[in-house]
Amino acid sequence: MASTGKFISLEGLDGAGKTTTAERVAKLFSTRGKDVVFVGRTTPQVADGYLRKHMEAVRAAIYECYSELDYPINELGNKHWLYLIASWLHALDQSVVKPLIADGRHVIIDGWFYKILSRFSLKQDLDKAHIEACFTGLTVPDSVILLDIDPGVAASRKTTFTYSESGNMDGWCGRTRQNFLEYQRLVREEVIKLRIKNKWSVIRVDHLTLDEVVDTVAENIINQGLF
């Protein structure tokens, strides 16, 4: 019977470099003969057919709307977005993550549900236990590695700020650097609470080059004996 693969999530604020790092780390281990695959949380590779069409529709409903400031997305309410995003993650888990792991392949993803949980925890009209319940049943990573970054450094890496990462779903108005800083500082506080509670590994990436971050993450994975 084939052994199951490991599931590793890189967490961090917007601008922490999760996607680029996860892709590079997966490629690095692949060159070393390890069966490691990168899964993009918002851009996964899904088989053709109904499943792909269905997930493309859900993805578009969530992620493409944020590019249009004229869309009155707040009118749908926080619960709608919570359930829709949770639905996306459960579909991603069921159709991509679980099959890869069951096939013995190691998965590195650029963020699981933790940053989303942190964001929704800031909303005053939602009960935190209810928010957490929406993600119950998702595959729990064998390891979570936090790429911790100061929001100011994260902002300096960006040329534009999106609707959601600037807090426009939570009372801020406008895709400005100041809104990004204020909102991301609050999100980071929630993420740090999760790190402490769940005893994640943490790598401070403020002053590291991409190569240094990739090497440090790879070393961390090796030291944990994951594969």
Protein backbone atom coordinates (compact mmCIF):
# COMPACT_ATOMS: atom_id res chain seq x y z
CA MET A 1 0.00 0.00 0.00
CA ALA A 2 1.42 3.36 -1.05
CA SER A 3 2.16 5.84 1.70
CA THR A 4 0.30 9.13 1.78
CA GLY A 5 2.01 12.38 0.95
CA LYS A 6 2.57 15.35 3.22
CA PHE A 7 0.67 18.62 3.09
CA ILE A 8 2.54 21.87 3.77
CA SER A 9 1.05 25.35 3.83
CA LEU A 10 2.99 28.59 3.60
CA GLU A 11 1.06 31.33 5.38
CA GLY A 12 1.55 35.07 5.53
CA LEU A 13 0.15 38.48 4.71
CA ASP A 14 -0.46 39.77 1.22
CA GLY A 15 2.96 40.59 -0.15
CA ALA A 16 4.84 38.04 1.97
CA GLY A 17 5.83 36.06 -1.13
CA LYS A 18 3.85 32.89 -0.42
CA THR A 19 3.10 31.95 -4.02
CA THR A 20 6.56 32.55 -5.46
CA THR A 21 8.22 30.84 -2.52
CA ALA A 22 5.91 27.81 -2.59
CA GLU A 23 6.50 27.36 -6.33
CA ARG A 24 10.26 27.65 -5.93
CA VAL A 25 10.42 25.29 -2.95
CA ALA A 26 8.37 22.65 -4.76
CA LYS A 27 10.64 22.92 -7.79
CA LEU A 28 13.74 22.71 -5.59
CA PHE A 29 12.64 19.44 -3.99
CA SER A 30 11.56 18.08 -7.36
CA THR A 31 15.10 18.58 -8.68
CA ARG A 32 16.28 16.57 -5.67
CA GLY A 33 14.09 13.63 -6.66
CA LYS A 34 11.18 14.30 -4.31
CA ASP A 35 7.63 14.01 -5.60
CA VAL A 36 6.51 17.48 -4.56
CA VAL A 37 3.81 19.49 -6.30
CA PHE A 38 2.84 23.13 -5.91
CA VAL A 39 -0.89 23.86 -5.63
CA GLY A 40 -2.02 27.46 -6.06
CA ARG A 41 -4.88 28.16 -3.66
CA THR A 42 -6.65 30.38 -6.16
CA THR A 43 -5.24 28.86 -9.35
CA PRO A 44 -5.21 25.06 -8.96
CA GLN A 45 -4.87 22.64 -11.85
CA VAL A 46 -8.17 20.80 -12.12
CA ALA A 47 -9.01 17.98 -14.54
CA ASP A 48 -11.15 18.81 -17.56
CA GLY A 49 -14.88 18.23 -17.54
CA TYR A 50 -17.68 19.20 -15.20
CA LEU A 51 -15.42 19.58 -12.17
CA ARG A 52 -13.24 22.12 -13.90
CA LYS A 53 -16.19 24.13 -15.23
CA HIS A 54 -17.84 24.16 -11.83
CA MET A 55 -14.71 25.29 -10.01
CA GLU A 56 -13.91 27.93 -12.61
CA ALA A 57 -17.37 29.41 -12.03
CA VAL A 58 -16.92 29.47 -8.24
CA ARG A 59 -13.43 30.92 -8.59
CA ALA A 60 -14.68 33.68 -10.89
CA ALA A 61 -17.46 34.57 -8.46
CA ILE A 62 -14.95 35.01 -5.64
CA TYR A 63 -11.71 36.31 -7.09
CA GLU A 64 -12.54 38.12 -10.31
CA CYS A 65 -15.11 40.43 -8.71
CA TYR A 66 -12.47 42.02 -6.49
CA SER A 67 -10.88 43.68 -9.52
CA GLU A 68 -13.95 45.83 -10.10
CA LEU A 69 -14.54 48.59 -7.56
CA ASP A 70 -17.95 49.31 -9.06
CA TYR A 71 -19.29 45.91 -8.02
CA PRO A 72 -21.41 46.34 -4.84
CA ILE A 73 -20.04 43.14 -3.34
CA ASN A 74 -20.60 44.29 0.25
CA GLU A 75 -24.34 44.21 -0.37
CA LEU A 76 -24.19 40.40 -0.34
CA GLY A 77 -23.12 40.34 3.30
CA ASN A 78 -20.23 38.75 5.16
CA LYS A 79 -21.88 35.35 5.56
CA HIS A 80 -22.30 35.00 1.81
CA TRP A 81 -18.59 35.54 1.23
CA LEU A 82 -17.61 33.33 4.16
CA TYR A 83 -19.70 30.44 2.84
CA LEU A 84 -18.60 30.97 -0.76
CA ILE A 85 -14.90 31.00 0.09
CA ALA A 86 -15.30 28.02 2.43
CA SER A 87 -17.11 26.19 -0.37
CA TRP A 88 -14.21 26.92 -2.71
CA LEU A 89 -11.69 25.53 -0.24
CA HIS A 90 -13.70 22.37 0.40
CA ALA A 91 -13.97 21.79 -3.35
CA LEU A 92 -10.24 22.41 -3.75
CA ASP A 93 -9.48 20.00 -0.94
CA GLN A 94 -11.78 17.30 -2.28
CA SER A 95 -10.76 17.53 -5.93
CA VAL A 96 -7.07 18.43 -5.77
CA VAL A 97 -5.36 18.26 -2.37
CA LYS A 98 -6.74 14.98 -1.03
CA PRO A 99 -6.23 13.00 -4.28
CA LEU A 100 -2.61 14.17 -4.56
CA ILE A 101 -1.85 13.26 -0.96
CA ALA A 102 -3.60 9.90 -1.28
CA ASP A 103 -1.45 9.22 -4.34
CA GLY A 104 1.66 9.66 -2.22
CA ARG A 105 2.60 13.08 -3.55
CA HIS A 106 3.74 15.90 -1.28
CA VAL A 107 1.75 19.13 -1.62
CA ILE A 108 2.93 22.67 -0.94
CA ILE A 109 0.20 25.31 -1.08
CA ASP A 110 0.45 29.09 -0.98
CA GLY A 111 -1.85 29.54 2.00
CA TRP A 112 -4.73 27.42 3.26
CA PHE A 113 -7.69 28.82 5.24
CA TYR A 114 -5.78 30.54 8.02
CA LYS A 115 -5.46 34.04 6.56
CA ILE A 116 -9.12 33.88 5.57
CA LEU A 117 -10.00 32.88 9.11
CA SER A 118 -7.94 35.82 10.37
CA ARG A 119 -9.71 38.26 8.08
CA PHE A 120 -13.19 37.10 8.96
CA SER A 121 -12.31 37.16 12.66
CA LEU A 122 -12.13 40.95 12.34
CA LYS A 123 -15.78 41.18 11.34
CA GLN A 124 -17.98 42.19 14.25
CA ASP A 125 -21.16 40.57 12.94
CA LEU A 126 -19.74 37.05 12.79
CA ASP A 127 -19.18 34.62 15.65
CA LYS A 128 -15.65 33.25 15.67
CA ALA A 129 -16.77 29.70 16.49
CA HIS A 130 -19.14 29.81 13.54
CA ILE A 131 -16.35 31.04 11.26
CA GLU A 132 -14.07 28.21 12.37
CA ALA A 133 -16.86 25.66 11.86
CA CYS A 134 -17.04 26.58 8.18
CA PHE A 135 -13.53 25.19 7.70
CA THR A 136 -14.04 22.04 9.76
CA GLY A 137 -13.24 18.94 7.76
CA LEU A 138 -10.57 20.49 5.57
CA THR A 139 -7.32 18.58 5.42
CA VAL A 140 -5.08 19.78 8.25
CA PRO A 141 -1.54 20.52 7.03
CA ASP A 142 1.29 18.39 8.38
CA SER A 143 3.19 21.64 8.69
CA VAL A 144 2.35 25.33 8.52
CA ILE A 145 5.23 27.74 7.96
CA LEU A 146 4.52 31.42 8.52
CA LEU A 147 6.39 33.86 6.30
CA ASP A 148 6.13 36.76 8.72
CA ILE A 149 6.52 40.23 7.25
CA ASP A 150 6.01 43.77 8.45
CA PRO A 151 3.06 45.31 6.58
CA GLY A 152 5.26 48.28 5.63
CA VAL A 153 7.73 45.99 3.91
CA ALA A 154 4.89 44.12 2.23
CA ALA A 155 3.47 47.41 0.95
CA SER A 156 6.83 48.42 -0.50
CA ARG A 157 6.80 45.28 -2.65
CA LYS A 158 3.51 46.19 -4.28
CA THR A 159 2.67 48.66 -7.05
CA THR A 160 -1.10 48.41 -6.59
CA PHE A 161 -3.39 47.33 -3.78
CA THR A 162 -6.46 45.19 -4.32
CA TYR A 163 -9.94 45.82 -2.98
CA SER A 164 -9.86 43.07 -0.38
CA GLU A 165 -6.27 43.42 0.84
CA SER A 166 -6.89 47.14 1.48
CA GLY A 167 -9.74 46.38 3.87
CA ASN A 168 -12.53 47.57 1.60
CA MET A 169 -14.66 44.64 2.78
CA ASP A 170 -14.20 45.85 6.37
CA GLY A 171 -14.89 49.56 6.39
CA TRP A 172 -11.88 51.08 4.67
CA CYS A 173 -12.56 53.03 1.49
CA GLY A 174 -10.09 53.07 -1.39
CA ARG A 175 -7.16 50.98 -2.53
CA THR A 176 -4.50 53.09 -0.84
CA ARG A 177 -1.20 52.28 0.81
CA GLN A 178 -2.41 53.64 4.15
CA ASN A 179 -5.52 51.45 4.06
CA PHE A 180 -3.35 48.45 3.19
CA LEU A 181 -1.06 49.15 6.16
CA GLU A 182 -3.84 49.64 8.69
CA TYR A 183 -5.81 46.60 7.60
CA GLN A 184 -2.83 44.26 7.23
CA ARG A 185 -1.59 45.15 10.70
CA LEU A 186 -4.89 43.97 12.15
CA VAL A 187 -4.83 40.80 10.04
CA ARG A 188 -1.26 40.11 11.13
CA GLU A 189 -2.32 40.29 14.79
CA GLU A 190 -4.89 37.55 14.13
CA VAL A 191 -2.39 35.45 12.18
CA ILE A 192 0.13 35.70 15.03
CA LYS A 193 -2.53 34.45 17.45
CA LEU A 194 -3.00 31.38 15.24
CA ARG A 195 0.77 30.88 15.02
CA ILE A 196 1.10 30.86 18.80
CA LYS A 197 -1.95 28.65 19.34
CA ASN A 198 -0.93 26.07 16.74
CA LYS A 199 2.84 26.32 17.26
CA TRP A 200 3.68 26.99 13.62
CA SER A 201 7.20 27.44 12.36
CA VAL A 202 7.93 31.09 11.58
CA ILE A 203 10.44 32.69 9.24
CA ARG A 204 10.88 36.46 9.36
CA VAL A 205 11.26 37.46 5.71
CA ASP A 206 11.53 41.27 5.93
CA HIS A 207 15.18 41.46 4.98
CA LEU A 208 15.71 38.17 3.18
CA THR A 209 16.13 37.77 -0.56
CA LEU A 210 13.85 35.35 -2.35
CA ASP A 211 16.66 32.80 -2.63
CA GLU A 212 17.29 33.07 1.10
CA VAL A 213 13.59 32.59 1.88
CA VAL A 214 13.40 29.53 -0.39
CA ASP A 215 16.52 27.99 1.16
CA THR A 216 15.28 28.68 4.70
CA VAL A 217 11.86 27.16 4.02
CA ALA A 218 13.45 24.08 2.42
CA GLU A 219 15.79 23.68 5.40
CA ASN A 220 12.83 24.01 7.76
CA ILE A 221 10.95 21.25 5.93
CA ILE A 222 14.00 18.99 6.02
CA ASN A 223 14.57 19.65 9.73
CA GLN A 224 10.96 18.69 10.44
CA GLY A 225 11.59 15.36 8.71
CA LEU A 226 8.55 15.77 6.48
CA PHE A 227 10.18 14.15 3.45
